[in-house]
PDB file of N, CA and C in Angstrom:
ATOM      1  N   UNK A   1     -10.643  14.745  -7.979  1.00  0.00           N
ATOM      2  CA  UNK A   1     -10.007  13.514  -7.545  1.00  0.00           C
ATOM      3  C   UNK A   1      -8.499  13.725  -7.484  1.00  0.00           C
ATOM      4  N   UNK A   2      -7.900  13.352  -6.401  1.00  0.00           N
ATOM      5  CA  UNK A   2      -6.464  13.496  -6.235  1.00  0.00           C
ATOM      6  C   UNK A   2      -5.755  12.315  -6.895  1.00  0.00           C
ATOM      7  N   UNK A   3      -4.609  12.594  -7.526  1.00  0.00           N
ATOM      8  CA  UNK A   3      -3.825  11.548  -8.173  1.00  0.00           C
ATOM      9  C   UNK A   3      -2.368  11.701  -7.767  1.00  0.00           C
ATOM     10  N   UNK A   4      -1.572  10.724  -8.154  1.00  0.00           N
ATOM     11  CA  UNK A   4      -0.133  10.804  -7.902  1.00  0.00           C
ATOM     12  C   UNK A   4       0.526  11.813  -8.827  1.00  0.00           C
ATOM     13  N   UNK A   5      -0.048  12.012  -9.990  1.00  0.00           N
ATOM     14  CA  UNK A   5       0.523  12.889 -11.002  1.00  0.00           C
ATOM     15  C   UNK A   5      -0.044  14.290 -10.881  1.00  0.00           C
ATOM     16  N   UNK A   6       0.836  15.244 -10.666  1.00  0.00           N
ATOM     17  CA  UNK A   6       0.454  16.651 -10.606  1.00  0.00           C
ATOM     18  C   UNK A   6       1.384  17.403 -11.558  1.00  0.00           C
ATOM     19  N   UNK A   7       0.864  17.927 -12.664  1.00  0.00           N
ATOM     20  CA  UNK A   7       1.727  18.605 -13.640  1.00  0.00           C
ATOM     21  C   UNK A   7       2.655  19.653 -13.029  1.00  0.00           C
ATOM     22  N   UNK A   8       2.206  20.328 -12.000  1.00  0.00           N
ATOM     23  CA  UNK A   8       3.048  21.362 -11.377  1.00  0.00           C
ATOM     24  C   UNK A   8       4.292  20.769 -10.716  1.00  0.00           C
ATOM     25  N   UNK A   9       4.280  19.467 -10.416  1.00  0.00           N
ATOM     26  CA  UNK A   9       5.434  18.838  -9.778  1.00  0.00           C
ATOM     27  C   UNK A   9       6.652  18.788 -10.700  1.00  0.00           C
ATOM     28  N   UNK A  10       6.434  18.808 -12.017  1.00  0.00           N
ATOM     29  CA  UNK A  10       7.552  18.781 -12.948  1.00  0.00           C
ATOM     30  C   UNK A  10       8.517  19.940 -12.689  1.00  0.00           C
ATOM     31  N   UNK A  11       7.990  21.056 -12.235  1.00  0.00           N
ATOM     32  CA  UNK A  11       8.832  22.221 -11.934  1.00  0.00           C
ATOM     33  C   UNK A  11       9.790  21.949 -10.773  1.00  0.00           C
ATOM     34  N   UNK A  12       9.541  20.909 -10.012  1.00  0.00           N
ATOM     35  CA  UNK A  12      10.380  20.572  -8.851  1.00  0.00           C
ATOM     36  C   UNK A  12      11.380  19.451  -9.147  1.00  0.00           C
ATOM     37  N   UNK A  13      11.513  19.092 -10.416  1.00  0.00           N
ATOM     38  CA  UNK A  13      12.418  18.011 -10.803  1.00  0.00           C
ATOM     39  C   UNK A  13      13.833  18.264 -10.293  1.00  0.00           C
ATOM     40  N   UNK A  14      14.304  19.484 -10.416  1.00  0.00           N
ATOM     41  CA  UNK A  14      15.675  19.810  -9.992  1.00  0.00           C
ATOM     42  C   UNK A  14      15.882  19.656  -8.490  1.00  0.00           C
ATOM     43  N   UNK A  15      14.812  19.634  -7.722  1.00  0.00           N
ATOM     44  CA  UNK A  15      14.933  19.432  -6.274  1.00  0.00           C
ATOM     45  C   UNK A  15      15.562  18.085  -5.945  1.00  0.00           C
ATOM     46  N   UNK A  16      15.500  17.142  -6.886  1.00  0.00           N
ATOM     47  CA  UNK A  16      16.116  15.839  -6.646  1.00  0.00           C
ATOM     48  C   UNK A  16      17.625  15.955  -6.483  1.00  0.00           C
ATOM     49  N   UNK A  17      18.195  17.028  -6.990  1.00  0.00           N
ATOM     50  CA  UNK A  17      19.631  17.243  -6.849  1.00  0.00           C
ATOM     51  C   UNK A  17      20.058  17.638  -5.452  1.00  0.00           C
ATOM     52  N   UNK A  18      19.117  18.002  -4.612  1.00  0.00           N
ATOM     53  CA  UNK A  18      19.466  18.437  -3.259  1.00  0.00           C
ATOM     54  C   UNK A  18      20.020  17.301  -2.402  1.00  0.00           C
ATOM     55  N   UNK A  19      19.628  16.083  -2.697  1.00  0.00           N
ATOM     56  CA  UNK A  19      20.100  14.944  -1.907  1.00  0.00           C
ATOM     57  C   UNK A  19      21.542  14.580  -2.194  1.00  0.00           C
ATOM     58  N   UNK A  20      21.968  14.811  -3.433  1.00  0.00           N
ATOM     59  CA  UNK A  20      23.346  14.519  -3.809  1.00  0.00           C
ATOM     60  C   UNK A  20      23.703  15.405  -4.999  1.00  0.00           C
ATOM     61  N   UNK A  21      24.129  16.633  -4.725  1.00  0.00           N
ATOM     62  CA  UNK A  21      24.410  17.587  -5.802  1.00  0.00           C
ATOM     63  C   UNK A  21      25.450  17.090  -6.812  1.00  0.00           C
ATOM     64  N   UNK A  22      26.445  16.356  -6.354  1.00  0.00           N
ATOM     65  CA  UNK A  22      27.492  15.872  -7.247  1.00  0.00           C
ATOM     66  C   UNK A  22      26.907  14.925  -8.305  1.00  0.00           C
ATOM     67  N   UNK A  23      26.121  13.968  -7.874  1.00  0.00           N
ATOM     68  CA  UNK A  23      25.515  13.039  -8.830  1.00  0.00           C
ATOM     69  C   UNK A  23      24.522  13.755  -9.739  1.00  0.00           C
ATOM     70  N   UNK A  24      23.775  14.697  -9.182  1.00  0.00           N
ATOM     71  CA  UNK A  24      22.813  15.458  -9.983  1.00  0.00           C
ATOM     72  C   UNK A  24      23.534  16.220 -11.097  1.00  0.00           C
ATOM     73  N   UNK A  25      24.643  16.874 -10.746  1.00  0.00           N
ATOM     74  CA  UNK A  25      25.389  17.631 -11.748  1.00  0.00           C
ATOM     75  C   UNK A  25      25.937  16.712 -12.838  1.00  0.00           C
ATOM     76  N   UNK A  26      26.401  15.531 -12.452  1.00  0.00           N
ATOM     77  CA  UNK A  26      26.907  14.578 -13.437  1.00  0.00           C
ATOM     78  C   UNK A  26      25.781  14.093 -14.349  1.00  0.00           C
ATOM     79  N   UNK A  27      24.633  13.808 -13.765  1.00  0.00           N
ATOM     80  CA  UNK A  27      23.488  13.380 -14.573  1.00  0.00           C
ATOM     81  C   UNK A  27      23.085  14.489 -15.539  1.00  0.00           C
ATOM     82  N   UNK A  28      22.994  15.716 -15.047  1.00  0.00           N
ATOM     83  CA  UNK A  28      22.558  16.822 -15.894  1.00  0.00           C
ATOM     84  C   UNK A  28      23.563  17.102 -17.012  1.00  0.00           C
ATOM     85  N   UNK A  29      24.853  16.944 -16.734  1.00  0.00           N
ATOM     86  CA  UNK A  29      25.869  17.118 -17.779  1.00  0.00           C
ATOM     87  C   UNK A  29      25.690  16.059 -18.863  1.00  0.00           C
ATOM     88  N   UNK A  30      25.491  14.823 -18.432  1.00  0.00           N
ATOM     89  CA  UNK A  30      25.258  13.729 -19.380  1.00  0.00           C
ATOM     90  C   UNK A  30      23.978  13.968 -20.173  1.00  0.00           C
ATOM     91  N   UNK A  31      22.920  14.316 -19.466  1.00  0.00           N
ATOM     92  CA  UNK A  31      21.620  14.572 -20.083  1.00  0.00           C
ATOM     93  C   UNK A  31      21.738  15.682 -21.127  1.00  0.00           C
ATOM     94  N   UNK A  32      22.412  16.749 -20.782  1.00  0.00           N
ATOM     95  CA  UNK A  32      22.604  17.849 -21.717  1.00  0.00           C
ATOM     96  C   UNK A  32      23.386  17.421 -22.946  1.00  0.00           C
ATOM     97  N   UNK A  33      24.416  16.607 -22.745  1.00  0.00           N
ATOM     98  CA  UNK A  33      25.219  16.121 -23.867  1.00  0.00           C
ATOM     99  C   UNK A  33      24.392  15.205 -24.772  1.00  0.00           C
ATOM    100  N   UNK A  34      23.576  14.367 -24.182  1.00  0.00           N
ATOM    101  CA  UNK A  34      22.740  13.455 -24.959  1.00  0.00           C
ATOM    102  C   UNK A  34      21.781  14.215 -25.863  1.00  0.00           C
ATOM    103  N   UNK A  35      21.179  15.280 -25.340  1.00  0.00           N
ATOM    104  CA  UNK A  35      20.161  15.997 -26.099  1.00  0.00           C
ATOM    105  C   UNK A  35      20.708  17.128 -26.967  1.00  0.00           C
ATOM    106  N   UNK A  36      22.024  17.333 -26.960  1.00  0.00           N
ATOM    107  CA  UNK A  36      22.628  18.321 -27.859  1.00  0.00           C
ATOM    108  C   UNK A  36      22.616  17.761 -29.278  1.00  0.00           C
ATOM    109  N   UNK A  37      22.592  18.659 -30.241  1.00  0.00           N
ATOM    110  CA  UNK A  37      22.639  18.208 -31.627  1.00  0.00           C
ATOM    111  C   UNK A  37      23.916  17.438 -31.906  1.00  0.00           C
ATOM    112  N   UNK A  38      23.805  16.451 -32.730  1.00  0.00           N
ATOM    113  CA  UNK A  38      24.944  15.616 -33.114  1.00  0.00           C
ATOM    114  C   UNK A  38      24.584  14.949 -34.430  1.00  0.00           C
ATOM    115  N   UNK A  39      24.752  13.642 -34.493  1.00  0.00           N
ATOM    116  CA  UNK A  39      24.330  12.909 -35.683  1.00  0.00           C
ATOM    117  C   UNK A  39      22.818  13.057 -35.871  1.00  0.00           C
ATOM    118  N   UNK A  40      22.103  13.195 -34.757  1.00  0.00           N
ATOM    119  CA  UNK A  40      20.670  13.497 -34.780  1.00  0.00           C
ATOM    120  C   UNK A  40      20.484  14.936 -34.338  1.00  0.00           C
ATOM    121  N   UNK A  41      19.503  15.581 -34.917  1.00  0.00           N
ATOM    122  CA  UNK A  41      19.221  16.966 -34.517  1.00  0.00           C
ATOM    123  C   UNK A  41      18.519  16.983 -33.164  1.00  0.00           C
ATOM    124  N   UNK A  42      18.508  18.142 -32.533  1.00  0.00           N
ATOM    125  CA  UNK A  42      17.776  18.282 -31.264  1.00  0.00           C
ATOM    126  C   UNK A  42      16.297  17.971 -31.466  1.00  0.00           C
ATOM    127  N   UNK A  43      15.744  18.344 -32.611  1.00  0.00           N
ATOM    128  CA  UNK A  43      14.337  18.068 -32.909  1.00  0.00           C
ATOM    129  C   UNK A  43      14.089  16.566 -33.006  1.00  0.00           C
ATOM    130  N   UNK A  44      14.975  15.856 -33.692  1.00  0.00           N
ATOM    131  CA  UNK A  44      14.829  14.398 -33.816  1.00  0.00           C
ATOM    132  C   UNK A  44      14.947  13.726 -32.454  1.00  0.00           C
ATOM    133  N   UNK A  45      15.882  14.186 -31.644  1.00  0.00           N
ATOM    134  CA  UNK A  45      16.045  13.608 -30.308  1.00  0.00           C
ATOM    135  C   UNK A  45      14.826  13.863 -29.438  1.00  0.00           C
ATOM    136  N   UNK A  46      14.214  15.029 -29.574  1.00  0.00           N
ATOM    137  CA  UNK A  46      13.001  15.321 -28.806  1.00  0.00           C
ATOM    138  C   UNK A  46      11.864  14.406 -29.235  1.00  0.00           C
ATOM    139  N   UNK A  47      11.754  14.110 -30.535  1.00  0.00           N
ATOM    140  CA  UNK A  47      10.716  13.177 -31.014  1.00  0.00           C
ATOM    141  C   UNK A  47      10.959  11.768 -30.467  1.00  0.00           C
ATOM    142  N   UNK A  48      12.218  11.347 -30.452  1.00  0.00           N
ATOM    143  CA  UNK A  48      12.545  10.041 -29.868  1.00  0.00           C
ATOM    144  C   UNK A  48      12.175  10.029 -28.392  1.00  0.00           C
ATOM    145  N   UNK A  49      12.526  11.091 -27.690  1.00  0.00           N
ATOM    146  CA  UNK A  49      12.219  11.177 -26.256  1.00  0.00           C
ATOM    147  C   UNK A  49      10.708  11.151 -26.028  1.00  0.00           C
ATOM    148  N   UNK A  50       9.950  11.815 -26.890  1.00  0.00           N
ATOM    149  CA  UNK A  50       8.492  11.791 -26.762  1.00  0.00           C
ATOM    150  C   UNK A  50       7.959  10.375 -26.933  1.00  0.00           C
ATOM    151  N   UNK A  51       8.484   9.653 -27.904  1.00  0.00           N
ATOM    152  CA  UNK A  51       8.056   8.267 -28.120  1.00  0.00           C
ATOM    153  C   UNK A  51       8.422   7.397 -26.916  1.00  0.00           C
ATOM    154  N   UNK A  52       9.641   7.535 -26.425  1.00  0.00           N
ATOM    155  CA  UNK A  52      10.071   6.749 -25.259  1.00  0.00           C
ATOM    156  C   UNK A  52       9.229   7.117 -24.037  1.00  0.00           C
ATOM    157  N   UNK A  53       8.916   8.390 -23.881  1.00  0.00           N
ATOM    158  CA  UNK A  53       8.081   8.818 -22.753  1.00  0.00           C
ATOM    159  C   UNK A  53       6.744   8.089 -22.765  1.00  0.00           C
ATOM    160  N   UNK A  54       6.201   7.882 -23.944  1.00  0.00           N
ATOM    161  CA  UNK A  54       4.947   7.132 -24.040  1.00  0.00           C
ATOM    162  C   UNK A  54       5.177   5.652 -23.749  1.00  0.00           C
ATOM    163  N   UNK A  55       6.313   5.124 -24.186  1.00  0.00           N
ATOM    164  CA  UNK A  55       6.611   3.712 -23.938  1.00  0.00           C
ATOM    165  C   UNK A  55       6.745   3.433 -22.446  1.00  0.00           C
ATOM    166  N   UNK A  56       7.399   4.333 -21.721  1.00  0.00           N
ATOM    167  CA  UNK A  56       7.588   4.129 -20.281  1.00  0.00           C
ATOM    168  C   UNK A  56       6.440   4.733 -19.478  1.00  0.00           C
ATOM    169  N   UNK A  57       5.525   5.386 -20.175  1.00  0.00           N
ATOM    170  CA  UNK A  57       4.304   5.953 -19.594  1.00  0.00           C
ATOM    171  C   UNK A  57       4.582   6.931 -18.459  1.00  0.00           C
ATOM    172  N   UNK A  58       5.501   7.862 -18.724  1.00  0.00           N
ATOM    173  CA  UNK A  58       5.830   8.898 -17.743  1.00  0.00           C
ATOM    174  C   UNK A  58       5.085  10.177 -18.107  1.00  0.00           C
ATOM    175  N   UNK A  59       4.061  10.526 -17.361  1.00  0.00           N
ATOM    176  CA  UNK A  59       3.291  11.722 -17.720  1.00  0.00           C
ATOM    177  C   UNK A  59       4.118  13.006 -17.671  1.00  0.00           C
ATOM    178  N   UNK A  60       5.087  13.070 -16.764  1.00  0.00           N
ATOM    179  CA  UNK A  60       5.940  14.258 -16.698  1.00  0.00           C
ATOM    180  C   UNK A  60       6.782  14.376 -17.969  1.00  0.00           C
ATOM    181  N   UNK A  61       7.331  13.261 -18.417  1.00  0.00           N
ATOM    182  CA  UNK A  61       8.140  13.260 -19.637  1.00  0.00           C
ATOM    183  C   UNK A  61       7.278  13.564 -20.856  1.00  0.00           C
ATOM    184  N   UNK A  62       6.073  13.030 -20.886  1.00  0.00           N
ATOM    185  CA  UNK A  62       5.168  13.321 -22.003  1.00  0.00           C
ATOM    186  C   UNK A  62       4.920  14.827 -22.072  1.00  0.00           C
ATOM    187  N   UNK A  63       4.632  15.445 -20.941  1.00  0.00           N
ATOM    188  CA  UNK A  63       4.435  16.901 -20.921  1.00  0.00           C
ATOM    189  C   UNK A  63       5.696  17.632 -21.385  1.00  0.00           C
ATOM    190  N   UNK A  64       6.830  17.266 -20.810  1.00  0.00           N
ATOM    191  CA  UNK A  64       8.081  17.970 -21.105  1.00  0.00           C
ATOM    192  C   UNK A  64       8.483  17.812 -22.571  1.00  0.00           C
ATOM    193  N   UNK A  65       8.378  16.602 -23.121  1.00  0.00           N
ATOM    194  CA  UNK A  65       8.831  16.390 -24.493  1.00  0.00           C
ATOM    195  C   UNK A  65       7.798  16.800 -25.529  1.00  0.00           C
ATOM    196  N   UNK A  66       6.535  16.891 -25.151  1.00  0.00           N
ATOM    197  CA  UNK A  66       5.560  17.511 -26.048  1.00  0.00           C
ATOM    198  C   UNK A  66       5.949  18.970 -26.247  1.00  0.00           C
ATOM    199  N   UNK A  67       6.245  19.645 -25.145  1.00  0.00           N
ATOM    200  CA  UNK A  67       6.661  21.044 -25.220  1.00  0.00           C
ATOM    201  C   UNK A  67       7.974  21.170 -25.986  1.00  0.00           C
ATOM    202  N   UNK A  68       8.939  20.301 -25.688  1.00  0.00           N
ATOM    203  CA  UNK A  68      10.241  20.370 -26.368  1.00  0.00           C
ATOM    204  C   UNK A  68      10.083  20.152 -27.873  1.00  0.00           C
ATOM    205  N   UNK A  69       9.251  19.195 -28.252  1.00  0.00           N
ATOM    206  CA  UNK A  69       9.037  18.940 -29.677  1.00  0.00           C
ATOM    207  C   UNK A  69       8.478  20.175 -30.371  1.00  0.00           C
ATOM    208  N   UNK A  70       7.483  20.785 -29.753  1.00  0.00           N
ATOM    209  CA  UNK A  70       6.893  21.989 -30.354  1.00  0.00           C
ATOM    210  C   UNK A  70       7.908  23.117 -30.434  1.00  0.00           C
ATOM    211  N   UNK A  71       8.691  23.294 -29.380  1.00  0.00           N
ATOM    212  CA  UNK A  71       9.701  24.359 -29.364  1.00  0.00           C
ATOM    213  C   UNK A  71      10.789  24.142 -30.415  1.00  0.00           C
ATOM    214  N   UNK A  72      11.060  22.876 -30.741  1.00  0.00           N
ATOM    215  CA  UNK A  72      12.129  22.569 -31.698  1.00  0.00           C
ATOM    216  C   UNK A  72      11.606  22.407 -33.119  1.00  0.00           C
ATOM    217  N   UNK A  73      10.322  22.712 -33.318  1.00  0.00           N
ATOM    218  CA  UNK A  73       9.787  22.773 -34.674  1.00  0.00           C
ATOM    219  C   UNK A  73       8.986  21.584 -35.148  1.00  0.00           C
ATOM    220  N   UNK A  74       8.744  20.612 -34.295  1.00  0.00           N
ATOM    221  CA  UNK A  74       7.892  19.487 -34.697  1.00  0.00           C
ATOM    222  C   UNK A  74       6.440  19.933 -34.711  1.00  0.00           C
ATOM    223  N   UNK A  75       5.642  19.207 -35.459  1.00  0.00           N
ATOM    224  CA  UNK A  75       4.219  19.524 -35.494  1.00  0.00           C
ATOM    225  C   UNK A  75       3.422  18.350 -34.940  1.00  0.00           C
ATOM    226  N   UNK A  76       2.144  18.547 -34.787  1.00  0.00           N
ATOM    227  CA  UNK A  76       1.286  17.529 -34.180  1.00  0.00           C
ATOM    228  C   UNK A  76       1.266  16.245 -35.005  1.00  0.00           C
ATOM    229  N   UNK A  77       1.337  16.361 -36.318  1.00  0.00           N
ATOM    230  CA  UNK A  77       1.349  15.167 -37.163  1.00  0.00           C
ATOM    231  C   UNK A  77       2.585  14.309 -36.897  1.00  0.00           C
ATOM    232  N   UNK A  78       3.754  14.944 -36.821  1.00  0.00           N
ATOM    233  CA  UNK A  78       4.993  14.208 -36.537  1.00  0.00           C
ATOM    234  C   UNK A  78       4.951  13.580 -35.150  1.00  0.00           C
ATOM    235  N   UNK A  79       4.470  14.342 -34.187  1.00  0.00           N
ATOM    236  CA  UNK A  79       4.419  13.846 -32.809  1.00  0.00           C
ATOM    237  C   UNK A  79       3.441  12.675 -32.697  1.00  0.00           C
ATOM    238  N   UNK A  80       2.315  12.770 -33.367  1.00  0.00           N
ATOM    239  CA  UNK A  80       1.338  11.685 -33.343  1.00  0.00           C
ATOM    240  C   UNK A  80       1.918  10.432 -33.993  1.00  0.00           C
ATOM    241  N   UNK A  81       2.647  10.615 -35.089  1.00  0.00           N
ATOM    242  CA  UNK A  81       3.278   9.476 -35.751  1.00  0.00           C
ATOM    243  C   UNK A  81       4.300   8.807 -34.829  1.00  0.00           C
ATOM    244  N   UNK A  82       5.051   9.608 -34.089  1.00  0.00           N
ATOM    245  CA  UNK A  82       6.020   9.054 -33.135  1.00  0.00           C
ATOM    246  C   UNK A  82       5.307   8.209 -32.074  1.00  0.00           C
ATOM    247  N   UNK A  83       4.152   8.677 -31.613  1.00  0.00           N
ATOM    248  CA  UNK A  83       3.387   7.913 -30.620  1.00  0.00           C
ATOM    249  C   UNK A  83       2.871   6.606 -31.233  1.00  0.00           C
ATOM    250  N   UNK A  84       2.498   6.638 -32.498  1.00  0.00           N
ATOM    251  CA  UNK A  84       2.058   5.404 -33.157  1.00  0.00           C
ATOM    252  C   UNK A  84       3.216   4.420 -33.330  1.00  0.00           C
ATOM    253  N   UNK A  85       4.418   4.920 -33.552  1.00  0.00           N
ATOM    254  CA  UNK A  85       5.584   4.035 -33.597  1.00  0.00           C
ATOM    255  C   UNK A  85       5.739   3.337 -32.246  1.00  0.00           C
ATOM    256  N   UNK A  86       5.577   4.096 -31.174  1.00  0.00           N
ATOM    257  CA  UNK A  86       5.634   3.513 -29.830  1.00  0.00           C
ATOM    258  C   UNK A  86       4.605   2.407 -29.683  1.00  0.00           C
ATOM    259  N   UNK A  87       3.397   2.682 -30.111  1.00  0.00           N
ATOM    260  CA  UNK A  87       2.303   1.714 -30.007  1.00  0.00           C
ATOM    261  C   UNK A  87       2.641   0.437 -30.780  1.00  0.00           C
ATOM    262  N   UNK A  88       3.175   0.589 -31.987  1.00  0.00           N
ATOM    263  CA  UNK A  88       3.510  -0.581 -32.800  1.00  0.00           C
ATOM    264  C   UNK A  88       4.604  -1.423 -32.148  1.00  0.00           C
ATOM    265  N   UNK A  89       5.623  -0.758 -31.597  1.00  0.00           N
ATOM    266  CA  UNK A  89       6.719  -1.491 -30.954  1.00  0.00           C
ATOM    267  C   UNK A  89       6.227  -2.191 -29.692  1.00  0.00           C
ATOM    268  N   UNK A  90       5.454  -1.479 -28.864  1.00  0.00           N
ATOM    269  CA  UNK A  90       4.936  -2.096 -27.632  1.00  0.00           C
ATOM    270  C   UNK A  90       4.009  -3.264 -27.956  1.00  0.00           C
ATOM    271  N   UNK A  91       3.144  -3.075 -28.943  1.00  0.00           N
ATOM    272  CA  UNK A  91       2.229  -4.142 -29.331  1.00  0.00           C
ATOM    273  C   UNK A  91       2.978  -5.340 -29.895  1.00  0.00           C
ATOM    274  N   UNK A  92       3.950  -5.069 -30.751  1.00  0.00           N
ATOM    275  CA  UNK A  92       4.751  -6.145 -31.324  1.00  0.00           C
ATOM    276  C   UNK A  92       5.541  -6.894 -30.262  1.00  0.00           C
ATOM    277  N   UNK A  93       6.060  -6.143 -29.293  1.00  0.00           N
ATOM    278  CA  UNK A  93       6.808  -6.793 -28.211  1.00  0.00           C
ATOM    279  C   UNK A  93       5.903  -7.695 -27.391  1.00  0.00           C
ATOM    280  N   UNK A  94       4.674  -7.255 -27.162  1.00  0.00           N
ATOM    281  CA  UNK A  94       3.719  -8.091 -26.430  1.00  0.00           C
ATOM    282  C   UNK A  94       3.431  -9.370 -27.209  1.00  0.00           C
ATOM    283  N   UNK A  95       3.229  -9.225 -28.507  1.00  0.00           N
ATOM    284  CA  UNK A  95       2.977 -10.406 -29.336  1.00  0.00           C
ATOM    285  C   UNK A  95       4.191 -11.323 -29.364  1.00  0.00           C
ATOM    286  N   UNK A  96       5.388 -10.746 -29.450  1.00  0.00           N
ATOM    287  CA  UNK A  96       6.602 -11.563 -29.476  1.00  0.00           C
ATOM    288  C   UNK A  96       6.744 -12.376 -28.193  1.00  0.00           C
ATOM    289  N   UNK A  97       6.311 -11.817 -27.065  1.00  0.00           N
ATOM    290  CA  UNK A  97       6.360 -12.564 -25.811  1.00  0.00           C
ATOM    291  C   UNK A  97       5.330 -13.687 -25.803  1.00  0.00           C
ATOM    292  N   UNK A  98       4.398 -13.656 -26.738  1.00  0.00           N
ATOM    293  CA  UNK A  98       3.455 -14.758 -26.889  1.00  0.00           C
ATOM    294  C   UNK A  98       4.152 -16.058 -27.248  1.00  0.00           C
ATOM    295  N   UNK A  99       5.328 -15.950 -27.857  1.00  0.00           N
ATOM    296  CA  UNK A  99       6.110 -17.155 -28.157  1.00  0.00           C
ATOM    297  C   UNK A  99       6.458 -17.872 -26.851  1.00  0.00           C
ATOM    298  N   UNK A 100       6.817 -17.102 -25.821  1.00  0.00           N
ATOM    299  CA  UNK A 100       7.109 -17.689 -24.512  1.00  0.00           C
ATOM    300  C   UNK A 100       5.891 -18.435 -23.977  1.00  0.00           C
ATOM    301  N   UNK A 101       4.721 -17.809 -24.094  1.00  0.00           N
ATOM    302  CA  UNK A 101       3.486 -18.439 -23.634  1.00  0.00           C
ATOM    303  C   UNK A 101       3.257 -19.744 -24.381  1.00  0.00           C
ATOM    304  N   UNK A 102       3.447 -19.716 -25.688  1.00  0.00           N
ATOM    305  CA  UNK A 102       3.224 -20.923 -26.494  1.00  0.00           C
ATOM    306  C   UNK A 102       4.225 -22.016 -26.128  1.00  0.00           C
ATOM    307  N   UNK A 103       5.476 -21.641 -25.861  1.00  0.00           N
ATOM    308  CA  UNK A 103       6.476 -22.620 -25.479  1.00  0.00           C
ATOM    309  C   UNK A 103       6.100 -23.307 -24.166  1.00  0.00           C
ATOM    310  N   UNK A 104       5.682 -22.517 -23.182  1.00  0.00           N
ATOM    311  CA  UNK A 104       5.281 -23.070 -21.883  1.00  0.00           C
ATOM    312  C   UNK A 104       4.041 -23.943 -22.041  1.00  0.00           C
ATOM    313  N   UNK A 105       3.051 -23.451 -22.771  1.00  0.00           N
ATOM    314  CA  UNK A 105       1.811 -24.204 -22.952  1.00  0.00           C
ATOM    315  C   UNK A 105       2.074 -25.528 -23.671  1.00  0.00           C
ATOM    316  N   UNK A 106       2.951 -25.497 -24.681  1.00  0.00           N
ATOM    317  CA  UNK A 106       3.299 -26.721 -25.403  1.00  0.00           C
ATOM    318  C   UNK A 106       4.007 -27.711 -24.486  1.00  0.00           C
ATOM    319  N   UNK A 107       4.938 -27.206 -23.679  1.00  0.00           N
ATOM    320  CA  UNK A 107       5.698 -28.067 -22.761  1.00  0.00           C
ATOM    321  C   UNK A 107       4.767 -28.716 -21.736  1.00  0.00           C
ATOM    322  N   UNK A 108       3.868 -27.933 -21.164  1.00  0.00           N
ATOM    323  CA  UNK A 108       2.952 -28.454 -20.140  1.00  0.00           C
ATOM    324  C   UNK A 108       1.959 -29.422 -20.751  1.00  0.00           C
ATOM    325  N   UNK A 109       1.559 -29.179 -21.984  1.00  0.00           N
ATOM    326  CA  UNK A 109       0.552 -30.025 -22.629  1.00  0.00           C
ATOM    327  C   UNK A 109       1.102 -31.358 -23.090  1.00  0.00           C
ATOM    328  N   UNK A 110       2.413 -31.511 -23.121  1.00  0.00           N
ATOM    329  CA  UNK A 110       3.010 -32.764 -23.594  1.00  0.00           C
ATOM    330  C   UNK A 110       2.878 -33.861 -22.590  1.00  0.00           C
TER     331      UNK A 110
END
């Protein structure tokens, strides 16, 4: 079955720079600076990126940051825990938006 997601396409990510090399270079410089060690280690940043990748449901990012996490010394237990943090935040956010539903339902029911 053909899908929109093809893991081999991740290798072509840099091709996006062909349309506007100047902006691509600026993005890549920023991206590199963000993921460099600082107050957070590169390993910690990769775990955060893995969690965010799951939150935004980007299969390319999930692949890339799974690999990055492993390369930077994370293990499957840490990575799985990061994904569960994502699940808790997404679930909690959905429940928190239930307040909006209750407000509308209360207003209409009056």
